[in-house]
């Protein structure tokens, strides 16, 4: 299944090139995905707007990729529920049993795996 035509939000974008939040955002952009970065501490990265939260993105993403600690993931799940997000990808290390269970109970499809590896970008 290709997600190339989906609007994707990456939560946890970083300006540090060694962090996965940076690598995922940059490599999705380079691969032609429509990707929006989320990090309340950043305004932009390489000329692209970075949004403080998912709600502030000018359109609703269909997929949210979480690259944040588990204790932040649960808060992001709450925002995704309110926005009726279709699918959350928990990058390895971002998931918690509570966050995944909550998303599933609210009807959001969840995947706990590396989006980049699963979609053969890396």
PDB file of N, CA and C in Angstrom:
ATOM      1  N   UNK A   1       0.844  -1.178   0.000  1.00  0.00           N
ATOM      2  CA  UNK A   1       0.000   0.000   0.000  1.00  0.00           C
ATOM      3  C   UNK A   1       0.890   1.241   0.000  1.00  0.00           C
ATOM      4  N   UNK A   2       0.639   2.144  -0.914  1.00  0.00           N
ATOM      5  CA  UNK A   2       1.438   3.362  -0.997  1.00  0.00           C
ATOM      6  C   UNK A   2       0.728   4.509  -0.282  1.00  0.00           C
ATOM      7  N   UNK A   3       1.505   5.258   0.463  1.00  0.00           N
ATOM      8  CA  UNK A   3       0.967   6.415   1.168  1.00  0.00           C
ATOM      9  C   UNK A   3       1.395   7.702   0.476  1.00  0.00           C
ATOM     10  N   UNK A   4       1.941   7.596  -0.727  1.00  0.00           N
ATOM     11  CA  UNK A   4       2.515   8.739  -1.440  1.00  0.00           C
ATOM     12  C   UNK A   4       1.490   9.851  -1.672  1.00  0.00           C
ATOM     13  N   UNK A   5       0.215   9.487  -1.822  1.00  0.00           N
ATOM     14  CA  UNK A   5      -0.821  10.487  -2.104  1.00  0.00           C
ATOM     15  C   UNK A   5      -1.473  11.031  -0.828  1.00  0.00           C
ATOM     16  N   UNK A   6      -0.970  10.636   0.330  1.00  0.00           N
ATOM     17  CA  UNK A   6      -1.549  11.067   1.603  1.00  0.00           C
ATOM     18  C   UNK A   6      -0.812  12.283   2.155  1.00  0.00           C
ATOM     19  N   UNK A   7      -1.545  13.106   2.901  1.00  0.00           N
ATOM     20  CA  UNK A   7      -0.944  14.237   3.612  1.00  0.00           C
ATOM     21  C   UNK A   7      -0.447  13.712   4.960  1.00  0.00           C
ATOM     22  N   UNK A   8       0.828  13.956   5.246  1.00  0.00           N
ATOM     23  CA  UNK A   8       1.464  13.367   6.418  1.00  0.00           C
ATOM     24  C   UNK A   8       2.004  14.451   7.344  1.00  0.00           C
ATOM     25  N   UNK A   9       1.723  14.316   8.631  1.00  0.00           N
ATOM     26  CA  UNK A   9       2.321  15.180   9.647  1.00  0.00           C
ATOM     27  C   UNK A   9       3.372  14.378  10.396  1.00  0.00           C
ATOM     28  N   UNK A  10       4.548  14.958  10.555  1.00  0.00           N
ATOM     29  CA  UNK A  10       5.601  14.340  11.356  1.00  0.00           C
ATOM     30  C   UNK A  10       5.704  15.144  12.651  1.00  0.00           C
ATOM     31  N   UNK A  11       5.330  14.522  13.757  1.00  0.00           N
ATOM     32  CA  UNK A  11       5.347  15.191  15.053  1.00  0.00           C
ATOM     33  C   UNK A  11       6.657  14.838  15.756  1.00  0.00           C
ATOM     34  N   UNK A  12       7.435  15.873  16.041  1.00  0.00           N
ATOM     35  CA  UNK A  12       8.733  15.665  16.673  1.00  0.00           C
ATOM     36  C   UNK A  12       9.873  16.013  15.732  1.00  0.00           C
ATOM     37  N   UNK A  13       9.589  16.855  14.742  1.00  0.00           N
ATOM     38  CA  UNK A  13      10.619  17.298  13.804  1.00  0.00           C
ATOM     39  C   UNK A  13      11.719  17.987  14.605  1.00  0.00           C
ATOM     40  N   UNK A  14      12.953  17.733  14.202  1.00  0.00           N
ATOM     41  CA  UNK A  14      14.107  18.313  14.889  1.00  0.00           C
ATOM     42  C   UNK A  14      15.005  19.010  13.882  1.00  0.00           C
ATOM     43  N   UNK A  15      15.732  20.017  14.349  1.00  0.00           N
ATOM     44  CA  UNK A  15      16.711  20.665  13.478  1.00  0.00           C
ATOM     45  C   UNK A  15      18.079  20.002  13.607  1.00  0.00           C
ATOM     46  N   UNK A  16      18.172  18.991  14.446  1.00  0.00           N
ATOM     47  CA  UNK A  16      19.416  18.240  14.632  1.00  0.00           C
ATOM     48  C   UNK A  16      19.474  17.110  13.593  1.00  0.00           C
ATOM     49  N   UNK A  17      20.422  17.179  12.652  1.00  0.00           N
ATOM     50  CA  UNK A  17      20.499  16.169  11.585  1.00  0.00           C
ATOM     51  C   UNK A  17      20.735  14.737  12.077  1.00  0.00           C
ATOM     52  N   UNK A  18      21.131  14.572  13.326  1.00  0.00           N
ATOM     53  CA  UNK A  18      21.363  13.233  13.867  1.00  0.00           C
ATOM     54  C   UNK A  18      20.090  12.601  14.426  1.00  0.00           C
ATOM     55  N   UNK A  19      19.041  13.389  14.587  1.00  0.00           N
ATOM     56  CA  UNK A  19      17.789  12.897  15.172  1.00  0.00           C
ATOM     57  C   UNK A  19      16.854  12.344  14.092  1.00  0.00           C
ATOM     58  N   UNK A  20      16.082  11.337  14.464  1.00  0.00           N
ATOM     59  CA  UNK A  20      15.142  10.742  13.508  1.00  0.00           C
ATOM     60  C   UNK A  20      14.048  11.717  13.088  1.00  0.00           C
ATOM     61  N   UNK A  21      13.661  12.624  13.970  1.00  0.00           N
ATOM     62  CA  UNK A  21      12.666  13.629  13.596  1.00  0.00           C
ATOM     63  C   UNK A  21      13.136  14.487  12.430  1.00  0.00           C
ATOM     64  N   UNK A  22      14.412  14.720  12.342  1.00  0.00           N
ATOM     65  CA  UNK A  22      15.002  15.470  11.216  1.00  0.00           C
ATOM     66  C   UNK A  22      15.058  14.576   9.969  1.00  0.00           C
ATOM     67  N   UNK A  23      15.613  13.387  10.139  1.00  0.00           N
ATOM     68  CA  UNK A  23      15.815  12.471   9.005  1.00  0.00           C
ATOM     69  C   UNK A  23      14.496  12.090   8.331  1.00  0.00           C
ATOM     70  N   UNK A  24      13.490  11.772   9.119  1.00  0.00           N
ATOM     71  CA  UNK A  24      12.198  11.363   8.561  1.00  0.00           C
ATOM     72  C   UNK A  24      11.567  12.514   7.785  1.00  0.00           C
ATOM     73  N   UNK A  25      11.541  13.696   8.400  1.00  0.00           N
ATOM     74  CA  UNK A  25      10.953  14.867   7.743  1.00  0.00           C
ATOM     75  C   UNK A  25      11.685  15.175   6.428  1.00  0.00           C
ATOM     76  N   UNK A  26      12.989  15.219   6.460  1.00  0.00           N
ATOM     77  CA  UNK A  26      13.785  15.552   5.273  1.00  0.00           C
ATOM     78  C   UNK A  26      13.627  14.492   4.182  1.00  0.00           C
ATOM     79  N   UNK A  27      13.705  13.229   4.563  1.00  0.00           N
ATOM     80  CA  UNK A  27      13.664  12.159   3.561  1.00  0.00           C
ATOM     81  C   UNK A  27      12.271  11.981   2.962  1.00  0.00           C
ATOM     82  N   UNK A  28      11.232  12.203   3.741  1.00  0.00           N
ATOM     83  CA  UNK A  28       9.875  12.170   3.170  1.00  0.00           C
ATOM     84  C   UNK A  28       9.713  13.310   2.172  1.00  0.00           C
ATOM     85  N   UNK A  29      10.190  14.496   2.541  1.00  0.00           N
ATOM     86  CA  UNK A  29      10.113  15.656   1.638  1.00  0.00           C
ATOM     87  C   UNK A  29      10.858  15.373   0.340  1.00  0.00           C
ATOM     88  N   UNK A  30      12.073  14.853   0.474  1.00  0.00           N
ATOM     89  CA  UNK A  30      12.899  14.555  -0.708  1.00  0.00           C
ATOM     90  C   UNK A  30      12.277  13.466  -1.581  1.00  0.00           C
ATOM     91  N   UNK A  31      11.499  12.587  -0.968  1.00  0.00           N
ATOM     92  CA  UNK A  31      10.887  11.476  -1.707  1.00  0.00           C
ATOM     93  C   UNK A  31       9.554  11.850  -2.339  1.00  0.00           C
ATOM     94  N   UNK A  32       9.157  13.128  -2.203  1.00  0.00           N
ATOM     95  CA  UNK A  32       7.945  13.597  -2.874  1.00  0.00           C
ATOM     96  C   UNK A  32       6.661  13.495  -2.083  1.00  0.00           C
ATOM     97  N   UNK A  33       6.757  13.193  -0.799  1.00  0.00           N
ATOM     98  CA  UNK A  33       5.561  13.133   0.043  1.00  0.00           C
ATOM     99  C   UNK A  33       5.121  14.544   0.417  1.00  0.00           C
ATOM    100  N   UNK A  34       3.821  14.720   0.623  1.00  0.00           N
ATOM    101  CA  UNK A  34       3.293  15.985   1.136  1.00  0.00           C
ATOM    102  C   UNK A  34       3.376  15.898   2.656  1.00  0.00           C
ATOM    103  N   UNK A  35       4.404  16.529   3.212  1.00  0.00           N
ATOM    104  CA  UNK A  35       4.715  16.347   4.627  1.00  0.00           C
ATOM    105  C   UNK A  35       4.734  17.695   5.355  1.00  0.00           C
ATOM    106  N   UNK A  36       4.193  17.681   6.576  1.00  0.00           N
ATOM    107  CA  UNK A  36       4.120  18.857   7.421  1.00  0.00           C
ATOM    108  C   UNK A  36       4.805  18.538   8.737  1.00  0.00           C
ATOM    109  N   UNK A  37       5.707  19.403   9.160  1.00  0.00           N
ATOM    110  CA  UNK A  37       6.433  19.191  10.405  1.00  0.00           C
ATOM    111  C   UNK A  37       5.736  19.831  11.586  1.00  0.00           C
ATOM    112  N   UNK A  38       5.830  19.167  12.733  1.00  0.00           N
ATOM    113  CA  UNK A  38       5.228  19.677  13.966  1.00  0.00           C
ATOM    114  C   UNK A  38       6.276  19.650  15.079  1.00  0.00           C
ATOM    115  N   UNK A  39       6.488  20.830  15.673  1.00  0.00           N
ATOM    116  CA  UNK A  39       7.345  20.968  16.844  1.00  0.00           C
ATOM    117  C   UNK A  39       7.089  22.370  17.403  1.00  0.00           C
ATOM    118  N   UNK A  40       6.576  22.478  18.629  1.00  0.00           N
ATOM    119  CA  UNK A  40       6.257  23.801  19.173  1.00  0.00           C
ATOM    120  C   UNK A  40       7.471  24.700  19.374  1.00  0.00           C
ATOM    121  N   UNK A  41       8.678  24.136  19.300  1.00  0.00           N
ATOM    122  CA  UNK A  41       9.890  24.926  19.526  1.00  0.00           C
ATOM    123  C   UNK A  41      10.522  25.435  18.233  1.00  0.00           C
ATOM    124  N   UNK A  42      10.020  25.011  17.085  1.00  0.00           N
ATOM    125  CA  UNK A  42      10.593  25.430  15.796  1.00  0.00           C
ATOM    126  C   UNK A  42       9.575  26.229  14.995  1.00  0.00           C
ATOM    127  N   UNK A  43      10.043  27.196  14.247  1.00  0.00           N
ATOM    128  CA  UNK A  43       9.175  27.973  13.344  1.00  0.00           C
ATOM    129  C   UNK A  43       9.310  27.465  11.911  1.00  0.00           C
ATOM    130  N   UNK A  44      10.540  27.093  11.534  1.00  0.00           N
ATOM    131  CA  UNK A  44      10.766  26.603  10.167  1.00  0.00           C
ATOM    132  C   UNK A  44      12.003  25.721  10.144  1.00  0.00           C
ATOM    133  N   UNK A  45      12.099  24.935   9.082  1.00  0.00           N
ATOM    134  CA  UNK A  45      13.262  24.086   8.858  1.00  0.00           C
ATOM    135  C   UNK A  45      13.505  24.040   7.360  1.00  0.00           C
ATOM    136  N   UNK A  46      14.655  24.499   6.951  1.00  0.00           N
ATOM    137  CA  UNK A  46      15.014  24.535   5.533  1.00  0.00           C
ATOM    138  C   UNK A  46      13.950  25.204   4.672  1.00  0.00           C
ATOM    139  N   UNK A  47      13.420  26.319   5.173  1.00  0.00           N
ATOM    140  CA  UNK A  47      12.456  27.093   4.401  1.00  0.00           C
ATOM    141  C   UNK A  47      11.025  26.587   4.463  1.00  0.00           C
ATOM    142  N   UNK A  48      10.781  25.503   5.181  1.00  0.00           N
ATOM    143  CA  UNK A  48       9.412  24.984   5.316  1.00  0.00           C
ATOM    144  C   UNK A  48       8.870  25.365   6.687  1.00  0.00           C
ATOM    145  N   UNK A  49       7.600  25.750   6.721  1.00  0.00           N
ATOM    146  CA  UNK A  49       6.961  26.059   8.001  1.00  0.00           C
ATOM    147  C   UNK A  49       6.915  24.814   8.873  1.00  0.00           C
ATOM    148  N   UNK A  50       7.172  25.002  10.154  1.00  0.00           N
ATOM    149  CA  UNK A  50       6.987  23.949  11.145  1.00  0.00           C
ATOM    150  C   UNK A  50       5.881  24.462  12.075  1.00  0.00           C
ATOM    151  N   UNK A  51       4.915  23.622  12.349  1.00  0.00           N
ATOM    152  CA  UNK A  51       3.722  24.024  13.087  1.00  0.00           C
ATOM    153  C   UNK A  51       3.833  23.627  14.562  1.00  0.00           C
ATOM    154  N   UNK A  52       3.221  24.423  15.452  1.00  0.00           N
ATOM    155  CA  UNK A  52       3.317  24.118  16.880  1.00  0.00           C
ATOM    156  C   UNK A  52       2.514  22.884  17.297  1.00  0.00           C
ATOM    157  N   UNK A  53       1.482  22.542  16.520  1.00  0.00           N
ATOM    158  CA  UNK A  53       0.671  21.353  16.805  1.00  0.00           C
ATOM    159  C   UNK A  53      -0.048  20.938  15.519  1.00  0.00           C
ATOM    160  N   UNK A  54      -0.673  19.787  15.551  1.00  0.00           N
ATOM    161  CA  UNK A  54      -1.340  19.266  14.356  1.00  0.00           C
ATOM    162  C   UNK A  54      -2.511  20.165  13.964  1.00  0.00           C
ATOM    163  N   UNK A  55      -3.211  20.697  14.959  1.00  0.00           N
ATOM    164  CA  UNK A  55      -4.377  21.540  14.696  1.00  0.00           C
ATOM    165  C   UNK A  55      -4.040  22.791  13.896  1.00  0.00           C
ATOM    166  N   UNK A  56      -2.801  23.262  13.986  1.00  0.00           N
ATOM    167  CA  UNK A  56      -2.419  24.500  13.298  1.00  0.00           C
ATOM    168  C   UNK A  56      -1.981  24.276  11.849  1.00  0.00           C
ATOM    169  N   UNK A  57      -1.885  23.029  11.417  1.00  0.00           N
ATOM    170  CA  UNK A  57      -1.571  22.739  10.014  1.00  0.00           C
ATOM    171  C   UNK A  57      -2.776  23.187   9.179  1.00  0.00           C
ATOM    172  N   UNK A  58      -2.546  23.877   8.037  1.00  0.00           N
ATOM    173  CA  UNK A  58      -3.671  24.446   7.284  1.00  0.00           C
ATOM    174  C   UNK A  58      -4.645  23.422   6.688  1.00  0.00           C
ATOM    175  N   UNK A  59      -4.298  22.151   6.678  1.00  0.00           N
ATOM    176  CA  UNK A  59      -5.221  21.120   6.214  1.00  0.00           C
ATOM    177  C   UNK A  59      -5.062  19.914   7.118  1.00  0.00           C
ATOM    178  N   UNK A  60      -6.053  19.047   7.114  1.00  0.00           N
ATOM    179  CA  UNK A  60      -6.007  17.893   8.014  1.00  0.00           C
ATOM    180  C   UNK A  60      -5.133  16.794   7.417  1.00  0.00           C
ATOM    181  N   UNK A  61      -4.070  16.399   8.132  1.00  0.00           N
ATOM    182  CA  UNK A  61      -3.281  15.273   7.644  1.00  0.00           C
ATOM    183  C   UNK A  61      -4.063  13.969   7.774  1.00  0.00           C
ATOM    184  N   UNK A  62      -3.773  13.034   6.867  1.00  0.00           N
ATOM    185  CA  UNK A  62      -4.424  11.727   6.938  1.00  0.00           C
ATOM    186  C   UNK A  62      -3.614  10.759   7.794  1.00  0.00           C
ATOM    187  N   UNK A  63      -2.306  11.004   7.838  1.00  0.00           N
ATOM    188  CA  UNK A  63      -1.399  10.157   8.611  1.00  0.00           C
ATOM    189  C   UNK A  63      -0.580  11.051   9.524  1.00  0.00           C
ATOM    190  N   UNK A  64      -0.407  10.609  10.764  1.00  0.00           N
ATOM    191  CA  UNK A  64       0.482  11.292  11.705  1.00  0.00           C
ATOM    192  C   UNK A  64       1.564  10.300  12.100  1.00  0.00           C
ATOM    193  N   UNK A  65       2.814  10.716  11.923  1.00  0.00           N
ATOM    194  CA  UNK A  65       3.961   9.905  12.332  1.00  0.00           C
ATOM    195  C   UNK A  65       4.515  10.521  13.609  1.00  0.00           C
ATOM    196  N   UNK A  66       4.575   9.722  14.662  1.00  0.00           N
ATOM    197  CA  UNK A  66       5.063  10.216  15.949  1.00  0.00           C
ATOM    198  C   UNK A  66       6.529   9.848  16.141  1.00  0.00           C
ATOM    199  N   UNK A  67       7.349  10.878  16.396  1.00  0.00           N
ATOM    200  CA  UNK A  67       8.772  10.708  16.670  1.00  0.00           C
ATOM    201  C   UNK A  67       9.050  11.473  17.967  1.00  0.00           C
ATOM    202  N   UNK A  68       8.286  11.141  18.995  1.00  0.00           N
ATOM    203  CA  UNK A  68       8.358  11.821  20.289  1.00  0.00           C
ATOM    204  C   UNK A  68       8.373  10.764  21.389  1.00  0.00           C
ATOM    205  N   UNK A  69       8.760  11.144  22.611  1.00  0.00           N
ATOM    206  CA  UNK A  69       8.716  10.183  23.721  1.00  0.00           C
ATOM    207  C   UNK A  69       7.287   9.713  24.005  1.00  0.00           C
ATOM    208  N   UNK A  70       7.142   8.510  24.556  1.00  0.00           N
ATOM    209  CA  UNK A  70       5.813   7.942  24.813  1.00  0.00           C
ATOM    210  C   UNK A  70       4.897   8.854  25.635  1.00  0.00           C
ATOM    211  N   UNK A  71       5.455   9.590  26.598  1.00  0.00           N
ATOM    212  CA  UNK A  71       4.599  10.446  27.435  1.00  0.00           C
ATOM    213  C   UNK A  71       4.018  11.615  26.643  1.00  0.00           C
ATOM    214  N   UNK A  72       4.640  11.970  25.547  1.00  0.00           N
ATOM    215  CA  UNK A  72       4.090  13.011  24.671  1.00  0.00           C
ATOM    216  C   UNK A  72       3.117  12.381  23.667  1.00  0.00           C
ATOM    217  N   UNK A  73       3.399  11.159  23.259  1.00  0.00           N
ATOM    218  CA  UNK A  73       2.525  10.466  22.294  1.00  0.00           C
ATOM    219  C   UNK A  73       1.081  10.418  22.763  1.00  0.00           C
ATOM    220  N   UNK A  74       0.859  10.165  24.040  1.00  0.00           N
ATOM    221  CA  UNK A  74      -0.515  10.057  24.541  1.00  0.00           C
ATOM    222  C   UNK A  74      -1.251  11.393  24.376  1.00  0.00           C
ATOM    223  N   UNK A  75      -0.551  12.496  24.559  1.00  0.00           N
ATOM    224  CA  UNK A  75      -1.174  13.817  24.369  1.00  0.00           C
ATOM    225  C   UNK A  75      -1.491  14.057  22.895  1.00  0.00           C
ATOM    226  N   UNK A  76      -0.617  13.587  22.015  1.00  0.00           N
ATOM    227  CA  UNK A  76      -0.823  13.752  20.576  1.00  0.00           C
ATOM    228  C   UNK A  76      -2.006  12.892  20.123  1.00  0.00           C
ATOM    229  N   UNK A  77      -2.157  11.710  20.716  1.00  0.00           N
ATOM    230  CA  UNK A  77      -3.302  10.851  20.388  1.00  0.00           C
ATOM    231  C   UNK A  77      -4.596  11.594  20.691  1.00  0.00           C
ATOM    232  N   UNK A  78      -4.652  12.290  21.824  1.00  0.00           N
ATOM    233  CA  UNK A  78      -5.860  13.063  22.163  1.00  0.00           C
ATOM    234  C   UNK A  78      -6.169  14.092  21.074  1.00  0.00           C
ATOM    235  N   UNK A  79      -5.138  14.783  20.585  1.00  0.00           N
ATOM    236  CA  UNK A  79      -5.345  15.767  19.524  1.00  0.00           C
ATOM    237  C   UNK A  79      -5.817  15.076  18.242  1.00  0.00           C
ATOM    238  N   UNK A  80      -5.231  13.933  17.934  1.00  0.00           N
ATOM    239  CA  UNK A  80      -5.626  13.181  16.728  1.00  0.00           C
ATOM    240  C   UNK A  80      -7.071  12.717  16.797  1.00  0.00           C
ATOM    241  N   UNK A  81      -7.510  12.312  17.974  1.00  0.00           N
ATOM    242  CA  UNK A  81      -8.907  11.896  18.158  1.00  0.00           C
ATOM    243  C   UNK A  81      -9.830  13.063  17.833  1.00  0.00           C
ATOM    244  N   UNK A  82      -9.518  14.227  18.372  1.00  0.00           N
ATOM    245  CA  UNK A  82     -10.337  15.411  18.128  1.00  0.00           C
ATOM    246  C   UNK A  82     -10.369  15.819  16.665  1.00  0.00           C
ATOM    247  N   UNK A  83      -9.279  15.568  15.954  1.00  0.00           N
ATOM    248  CA  UNK A  83      -9.190  15.947  14.536  1.00  0.00           C
ATOM    249  C   UNK A  83      -9.679  14.842  13.587  1.00  0.00           C
ATOM    250  N   UNK A  84     -10.022  13.690  14.172  1.00  0.00           N
ATOM    251  CA  UNK A  84     -10.465  12.533  13.383  1.00  0.00           C
ATOM    252  C   UNK A  84      -9.399  12.091  12.366  1.00  0.00           C
ATOM    253  N   UNK A  85      -8.167  11.994  12.861  1.00  0.00           N
ATOM    254  CA  UNK A  85      -7.048  11.515  12.042  1.00  0.00           C
ATOM    255  C   UNK A  85      -7.288  10.037  11.734  1.00  0.00           C
ATOM    256  N   UNK A  86      -6.955   9.618  10.506  1.00  0.00           N
ATOM    257  CA  UNK A  86      -7.217   8.247  10.058  1.00  0.00           C
ATOM    258  C   UNK A  86      -6.210   7.222  10.581  1.00  0.00           C
ATOM    259  N   UNK A  87      -4.929   7.618  10.656  1.00  0.00           N
ATOM    260  CA  UNK A  87      -3.880   6.630  10.892  1.00  0.00           C
ATOM    261  C   UNK A  87      -2.728   7.273  11.664  1.00  0.00           C
ATOM    262  N   UNK A  88      -2.278   6.619  12.727  1.00  0.00           N
ATOM    263  CA  UNK A  88      -1.102   7.062  13.471  1.00  0.00           C
ATOM    264  C   UNK A  88      -0.021   5.991  13.352  1.00  0.00           C
ATOM    265  N   UNK A  89       1.162   6.419  12.954  1.00  0.00           N
ATOM    266  CA  UNK A  89       2.347   5.554  12.956  1.00  0.00           C
ATOM    267  C   UNK A  89       3.188   5.927  14.165  1.00  0.00           C
ATOM    268  N   UNK A  90       3.414   4.978  15.036  1.00  0.00           N
ATOM    269  CA  UNK A  90       4.291   5.166  16.177  1.00  0.00           C
ATOM    270  C   UNK A  90       5.678   4.665  15.785  1.00  0.00           C
ATOM    271  N   UNK A  91       6.613   5.597  15.608  1.00  0.00           N
ATOM    272  CA  UNK A  91       7.987   5.186  15.340  1.00  0.00           C
ATOM    273  C   UNK A  91       8.484   4.399  16.554  1.00  0.00           C
ATOM    274  N   UNK A  92       9.367   3.422  16.359  1.00  0.00           N
ATOM    275  CA  UNK A  92       9.884   2.660  17.502  1.00  0.00           C
ATOM    276  C   UNK A  92      10.403   3.590  18.596  1.00  0.00           C
ATOM    277  N   UNK A  93       9.928   3.365  19.816  1.00  0.00           N
ATOM    278  CA  UNK A  93      10.329   4.181  20.949  1.00  0.00           C
ATOM    279  C   UNK A  93       9.338   5.280  21.278  1.00  0.00           C
ATOM    280  N   UNK A  94       8.411   5.562  20.376  1.00  0.00           N
ATOM    281  CA  UNK A  94       7.427   6.616  20.649  1.00  0.00           C
ATOM    282  C   UNK A  94       6.130   6.045  21.218  1.00  0.00           C
ATOM    283  N   UNK A  95       5.970   4.754  21.119  1.00  0.00           N
ATOM    284  CA  UNK A  95       4.701   4.144  21.509  1.00  0.00           C
ATOM    285  C   UNK A  95       4.646   3.862  23.004  1.00  0.00           C
ATOM    286  N   UNK A  96       3.437   3.859  23.506  1.00  0.00           N
ATOM    287  CA  UNK A  96       3.153   3.342  24.842  1.00  0.00           C
ATOM    288  C   UNK A  96       1.889   2.511  24.680  1.00  0.00           C
ATOM    289  N   UNK A  97       1.745   1.519  25.513  1.00  0.00           N
ATOM    290  CA  UNK A  97       0.560   0.670  25.436  1.00  0.00           C
ATOM    291  C   UNK A  97      -0.707   1.512  25.566  1.00  0.00           C
ATOM    292  N   UNK A  98      -0.658   2.478  26.469  1.00  0.00           N
ATOM    293  CA  UNK A  98      -1.810   3.351  26.711  1.00  0.00           C
ATOM    294  C   UNK A  98      -2.169   4.167  25.466  1.00  0.00           C
ATOM    295  N   UNK A  99      -1.169   4.741  24.804  1.00  0.00           N
ATOM    296  CA  UNK A  99      -1.416   5.578  23.622  1.00  0.00           C
ATOM    297  C   UNK A  99      -1.975   4.751  22.470  1.00  0.00           C
ATOM    298  N   UNK A 100      -1.378   3.601  22.221  1.00  0.00           N
ATOM    299  CA  UNK A 100      -1.838   2.745  21.117  1.00  0.00           C
ATOM    300  C   UNK A 100      -3.266   2.272  21.381  1.00  0.00           C
ATOM    301  N   UNK A 101      -3.522   1.828  22.599  1.00  0.00           N
ATOM    302  CA  UNK A 101      -4.853   1.324  22.957  1.00  0.00           C
ATOM    303  C   UNK A 101      -5.905   2.432  22.823  1.00  0.00           C
ATOM    304  N   UNK A 102      -5.579   3.627  23.294  1.00  0.00           N
ATOM    305  CA  UNK A 102      -6.518   4.736  23.227  1.00  0.00           C
ATOM    306  C   UNK A 102      -6.858   5.072  21.776  1.00  0.00           C
ATOM    307  N   UNK A 103      -5.839   5.137  20.919  1.00  0.00           N
ATOM    308  CA  UNK A 103      -6.065   5.443  19.507  1.00  0.00           C
ATOM    309  C   UNK A 103      -6.969   4.387  18.873  1.00  0.00           C
ATOM    310  N   UNK A 104      -6.671   3.116  19.139  1.00  0.00           N
ATOM    311  CA  UNK A 104      -7.469   2.027  18.564  1.00  0.00           C
ATOM    312  C   UNK A 104      -8.913   2.072  19.063  1.00  0.00           C
ATOM    313  N   UNK A 105      -9.103   2.350  20.344  1.00  0.00           N
ATOM    314  CA  UNK A 105     -10.456   2.421  20.913  1.00  0.00           C
ATOM    315  C   UNK A 105     -11.262   3.549  20.284  1.00  0.00           C
ATOM    316  N   UNK A 106     -10.584   4.581  19.825  1.00  0.00           N
ATOM    317  CA  UNK A 106     -11.259   5.720  19.201  1.00  0.00           C
ATOM    318  C   UNK A 106     -11.374   5.566  17.683  1.00  0.00           C
ATOM    319  N   UNK A 107     -11.003   4.386  17.170  1.00  0.00           N
ATOM    320  CA  UNK A 107     -11.201   4.106  15.755  1.00  0.00           C
ATOM    321  C   UNK A 107     -10.076   4.571  14.839  1.00  0.00           C
ATOM    322  N   UNK A 108      -8.928   4.914  15.402  1.00  0.00           N
ATOM    323  CA  UNK A 108      -7.782   5.318  14.583  1.00  0.00           C
ATOM    324  C   UNK A 108      -6.925   4.092  14.302  1.00  0.00           C
ATOM    325  N   UNK A 109      -6.612   3.899  13.033  1.00  0.00           N
ATOM    326  CA  UNK A 109      -5.720   2.799  12.660  1.00  0.00           C
ATOM    327  C   UNK A 109      -4.335   3.118  13.212  1.00  0.00           C
ATOM    328  N   UNK A 110      -3.683   2.138  13.819  1.00  0.00           N
ATOM    329  CA  UNK A 110      -2.350   2.360  14.380  1.00  0.00           C
ATOM    330  C   UNK A 110      -1.356   1.373  13.789  1.00  0.00           C
ATOM    331  N   UNK A 111      -0.131   1.840  13.642  1.00  0.00           N
ATOM    332  CA  UNK A 111       0.972   0.986  13.228  1.00  0.00           C
ATOM    333  C   UNK A 111       2.152   1.333  14.128  1.00  0.00           C
ATOM    334  N   UNK A 112       2.740   0.307  14.733  1.00  0.00           N
ATOM    335  CA  UNK A 112       3.931   0.504  15.550  1.00  0.00           C
ATOM    336  C   UNK A 112       5.092  -0.101  14.757  1.00  0.00           C
ATOM    337  N   UNK A 113       5.736   0.749  13.978  1.00  0.00           N
ATOM    338  CA  UNK A 113       6.847   0.324  13.123  1.00  0.00           C
ATOM    339  C   UNK A 113       7.449   1.575  12.501  1.00  0.00           C
ATOM    340  N   UNK A 114       8.616   1.433  11.931  1.00  0.00           N
ATOM    341  CA  UNK A 114       9.248   2.565  11.262  1.00  0.00           C
ATOM    342  C   UNK A 114       8.583   2.792   9.904  1.00  0.00           C
ATOM    343  N   UNK A 115       7.956   3.940   9.745  1.00  0.00           N
ATOM    344  CA  UNK A 115       7.291   4.289   8.494  1.00  0.00           C
ATOM    345  C   UNK A 115       8.267   4.212   7.328  1.00  0.00           C
ATOM    346  N   UNK A 116       9.484   4.676   7.548  1.00  0.00           N
ATOM    347  CA  UNK A 116      10.481   4.763   6.485  1.00  0.00           C
ATOM    348  C   UNK A 116      10.910   3.383   5.992  1.00  0.00           C
ATOM    349  N   UNK A 117      11.085   2.447   6.924  1.00  0.00           N
ATOM    350  CA  UNK A 117      11.489   1.083   6.558  1.00  0.00           C
ATOM    351  C   UNK A 117      10.298   0.352   5.929  1.00  0.00           C
ATOM    352  N   UNK A 118       9.123   0.462   6.544  1.00  0.00           N
ATOM    353  CA  UNK A 118       7.940  -0.243   6.052  1.00  0.00           C
ATOM    354  C   UNK A 118       7.565   0.188   4.648  1.00  0.00           C
ATOM    355  N   UNK A 119       7.851   1.425   4.297  1.00  0.00           N
ATOM    356  CA  UNK A 119       7.502   1.946   2.979  1.00  0.00           C
ATOM    357  C   UNK A 119       8.692   2.031   2.029  1.00  0.00           C
ATOM    358  N   UNK A 120       9.760   1.351   2.405  1.00  0.00           N
ATOM    359  CA  UNK A 120      10.982   1.203   1.580  1.00  0.00           C
ATOM    360  C   UNK A 120      11.578   2.544   1.133  1.00  0.00           C
ATOM    361  N   UNK A 121      11.517   3.519   2.029  1.00  0.00           N
ATOM    362  CA  UNK A 121      12.171   4.806   1.770  1.00  0.00           C
ATOM    363  C   UNK A 121      13.615   4.704   2.252  1.00  0.00           C
ATOM    364  N   UNK A 122      13.811   3.921   3.333  1.00  0.00           N
ATOM    365  CA  UNK A 122      15.160   3.645   3.822  1.00  0.00           C
ATOM    366  C   UNK A 122      15.486   2.195   3.562  1.00  0.00           C
TER     367      UNK A 122
END
